[in-house]
Amino acid sequence: MNGVVKAVARDAGHNFSKPVCDSINVVTGLGVEGDAHFGRLVQHLYRIKKDPSVPNLRQIHLIHSELHDELRDKGFNILPGDMGENITTQGVDLLGLPCGTILKIGKDAAIEITGLRNPCYQLNDFRDGLMTACLAKADDGSVIFKSGIMGVIVKDGTVKPGDQIRVELPNEPHMPLELV
């Protein structure tokens, strides 16, 4: 299961959306250079208030472009970076990956997947009804969170649109993604 980078984005401020750019530099153990979530310890403002000493498991945020297509079909015009993601992908079932999966991107960069993005009210602040549109029910009645995945940088590199994404699954047993 391999894919491609469709877009990259970063923002030095704690804003909901991130502007798209030509490339991003990812730094091992820290995140996206020049992004508000860059750091070894938690950088998410809400989480800092709870405990600023916890490791940053949300150094980078990825969303699959297929979600943008799905949301467009529901009447939402969502573009790369609009939902705060650093990397918009195509062709990789991000939500189906197990925890600990390594995504090798481009020539050098590598990201370890830590979990699912926890959707929040800011989705609705951005577009009314967007949070509900990013949720679904599984056959067993559990909630499916579709607003992307989070990860940590395990190898420095530059990521740009058009870069190939190579998926390396962890050893079994595979652990499903949970909210981080």
Protein backbone atom coordinates (compact mmCIF):
# COMPACT_ATOMS: atom_id res chain seq x y z
CA MET A 1 0.00 0.00 0.00
CA ASN A 2 1.96 2.99 -1.25
CA GLY A 3 0.82 6.47 -2.12
CA VAL A 4 1.87 10.00 -2.93
CA VAL A 5 2.05 13.39 -1.21
CA LYS A 6 -0.56 15.74 -2.72
CA ALA A 7 0.24 18.85 -0.65
CA VAL A 8 2.23 20.05 2.36
CA ALA A 9 1.46 22.88 4.80
CA ARG A 10 2.79 24.54 7.95
CA ASP A 11 1.94 27.50 10.15
CA ALA A 12 4.04 29.07 12.90
CA GLY A 13 0.86 30.26 14.64
CA HIS A 14 -1.73 28.16 16.43
CA ASN A 15 -4.31 28.67 13.70
CA PHE A 16 -6.82 26.05 12.60
CA SER A 17 -5.86 26.03 8.91
CA LYS A 18 -2.32 25.92 7.61
CA PRO A 19 -1.17 27.58 4.37
CA VAL A 20 0.08 25.23 1.68
CA CYS A 21 3.76 25.60 0.77
CA ASP A 22 6.27 24.13 -1.69
CA SER A 23 7.97 21.86 0.86
CA ILE A 24 8.32 21.17 4.57
CA ASN A 25 11.36 20.06 6.54
CA VAL A 26 10.72 17.42 9.19
CA VAL A 27 13.11 17.07 12.12
CA THR A 28 13.58 13.86 14.11
CA GLY A 29 11.81 13.98 17.47
CA LEU A 30 10.50 17.50 16.92
CA GLY A 31 8.12 17.75 13.97
CA VAL A 32 7.69 20.19 11.10
CA GLU A 33 10.22 23.01 11.14
CA GLY A 34 8.42 26.36 11.35
CA ASP A 35 5.13 24.82 12.56
CA ALA A 36 3.41 25.71 15.84
CA HIS A 37 3.38 22.03 16.89
CA PHE A 38 7.19 21.69 16.63
CA GLY A 39 8.72 20.32 19.82
CA ARG A 40 9.58 17.26 21.93
CA LEU A 41 6.86 18.07 24.45
CA VAL A 42 3.17 18.61 23.74
CA GLN A 43 2.48 21.80 21.74
CA HIS A 44 -1.31 21.59 21.38
CA LEU A 45 -2.62 24.54 23.45
CA TYR A 46 -5.44 22.56 25.13
CA ARG A 47 -3.07 19.74 26.07
CA ILE A 48 -0.39 22.13 27.38
CA LYS A 49 -2.94 23.42 29.92
CA LYS A 50 -3.56 19.85 31.14
CA ASP A 51 0.09 18.73 31.35
CA PRO A 52 2.92 20.49 29.51
CA SER A 53 5.42 17.73 30.36
CA VAL A 54 3.99 14.92 28.19
CA PRO A 55 5.79 13.82 25.00
CA ASN A 56 4.52 15.33 21.76
CA LEU A 57 2.83 12.44 19.93
CA ARG A 58 1.23 14.96 17.54
CA GLN A 59 4.33 16.37 15.82
CA ILE A 60 2.77 15.97 12.38
CA HIS A 61 -0.80 15.65 11.09
CA LEU A 62 -1.73 13.78 7.91
CA ILE A 63 -5.09 13.66 6.10
CA HIS A 64 -5.95 11.56 3.07
CA SER A 65 -7.19 13.55 0.06
CA GLU A 66 -9.93 10.97 -0.33
CA LEU A 67 -11.54 12.54 2.77
CA HIS A 68 -11.56 15.90 0.99
CA ASP A 69 -13.37 14.20 -1.93
CA GLU A 70 -15.89 12.62 0.44
CA LEU A 71 -16.51 15.94 2.18
CA ARG A 72 -16.91 17.69 -1.20
CA ASP A 73 -19.67 15.18 -2.01
CA LYS A 74 -21.35 16.29 1.26
CA GLY A 75 -21.21 19.96 0.25
CA PHE A 76 -17.97 21.02 1.98
CA ASN A 77 -15.27 22.66 -0.13
CA ILE A 78 -12.18 21.53 1.80
CA LEU A 79 -8.71 22.12 0.38
CA PRO A 80 -5.31 20.84 1.55
CA GLY A 81 -4.26 22.51 4.80
CA ASP A 82 -7.79 23.68 5.60
CA MET A 83 -8.19 21.15 8.43
CA GLY A 84 -4.74 21.84 9.85
CA GLU A 85 -2.88 18.96 8.27
CA ASN A 86 0.80 19.17 7.42
CA ILE A 87 0.65 16.47 4.73
CA THR A 88 -2.23 15.63 2.42
CA THR A 89 -1.82 12.13 0.99
CA GLN A 90 -3.41 10.11 -1.79
CA GLY A 91 -3.60 6.36 -2.17
CA VAL A 92 -2.81 5.33 1.42
CA ASP A 93 -5.56 4.11 3.76
CA LEU A 94 -4.27 6.22 6.64
CA LEU A 95 -7.14 5.30 8.97
CA GLY A 96 -6.54 1.58 8.40
CA LEU A 97 -2.88 1.65 9.39
CA PRO A 98 -1.85 0.14 12.73
CA CYS A 99 -0.10 2.14 15.41
CA GLY A 100 3.66 2.12 14.88
CA THR A 101 3.49 2.07 11.08
CA ILE A 102 6.39 3.89 9.46
CA LEU A 103 5.71 6.11 6.46
CA LYS A 104 8.86 6.71 4.43
CA ILE A 105 8.33 9.82 2.35
CA GLY A 106 10.47 11.10 -0.47
CA LYS A 107 14.20 10.56 -0.33
CA ASP A 108 14.81 10.65 3.44
CA ALA A 109 11.86 11.52 5.70
CA ALA A 110 10.19 8.94 7.95
CA ILE A 111 7.16 9.31 10.22
CA GLU A 112 5.93 6.86 12.86
CA ILE A 113 2.15 6.84 13.21
CA THR A 114 1.04 7.39 16.83
CA GLY A 115 -2.74 7.56 16.52
CA LEU A 116 -5.87 9.26 15.28
CA ARG A 117 -6.55 12.96 15.35
CA ASN A 118 -9.15 13.79 17.95
CA PRO A 119 -11.75 15.88 16.09
CA CYS A 120 -12.80 18.97 17.99
CA TYR A 121 -15.29 21.83 17.87
CA GLN A 122 -12.88 23.85 15.73
CA LEU A 123 -14.03 21.78 12.76
CA ASN A 124 -17.49 23.27 13.19
CA ASP A 125 -16.04 26.74 13.73
CA PHE A 126 -14.33 26.37 10.35
CA ARG A 127 -17.40 24.98 8.53
CA ASP A 128 -20.73 24.38 10.25
CA GLY A 129 -21.43 20.63 10.45
CA LEU A 130 -17.90 19.59 9.49
CA MET A 131 -17.24 17.67 12.73
CA THR A 132 -20.24 15.42 12.17
CA ALA A 133 -19.21 14.94 8.54
CA CYS A 134 -15.82 13.69 9.79
CA LEU A 135 -17.41 10.97 11.94
CA ALA A 136 -19.07 7.71 10.95
CA LYS A 137 -20.46 4.59 12.62
CA ALA A 138 -18.84 1.20 12.15
CA ASP A 139 -20.94 -1.95 11.81
CA ASP A 140 -20.33 -2.69 15.50
CA GLY A 141 -21.65 0.76 16.49
CA SER A 142 -18.26 2.24 17.33
CA VAL A 143 -17.32 5.69 16.08
CA ILE A 144 -14.95 6.08 13.15
CA PHE A 145 -12.83 9.23 13.40
CA LYS A 146 -11.93 10.33 9.87
CA SER A 147 -10.12 13.64 10.45
CA GLY A 148 -6.63 12.25 9.96
CA ILE A 149 -3.76 10.67 11.80
CA MET A 150 -0.90 11.96 13.92
CA GLY A 151 2.73 10.94 14.06
CA VAL A 152 6.25 11.66 15.20
CA ILE A 153 9.28 12.22 13.03
CA VAL A 154 11.80 9.36 13.15
CA LYS A 155 14.07 10.55 10.32
CA ASP A 156 14.84 14.05 9.07
CA GLY A 157 13.96 15.02 5.54
CA THR A 158 12.24 17.35 3.14
CA VAL A 159 8.70 16.50 2.02
CA LYS A 160 7.08 18.00 -1.07
CA PRO A 161 4.10 17.35 -3.34
CA GLY A 162 4.72 14.41 -5.65
CA ASP A 163 6.93 12.53 -3.18
CA GLN A 164 6.24 8.82 -2.95
CA ILE A 165 4.98 7.36 0.34
CA ARG A 166 6.17 3.87 1.25
CA VAL A 167 4.30 2.07 4.03
CA GLU A 168 6.19 -0.20 6.44
CA LEU A 169 3.89 -2.06 8.81
CA PRO A 170 5.13 -2.90 12.32
CA ASN A 171 5.57 -6.47 13.51
CA GLU A 172 2.37 -8.24 14.48
CA PRO A 173 0.23 -8.19 16.46
CA HIS A 174 -0.97 -4.92 14.95
CA MET A 175 -2.53 -2.41 17.33
CA PRO A 176 -5.38 -0.31 15.92
CA LEU A 177 -5.06 3.46 16.00
CA GLU A 178 -6.58 5.23 18.97
CA LEU A 179 -7.12 8.91 19.64
CA VAL A 180 -3.97 10.82 20.66
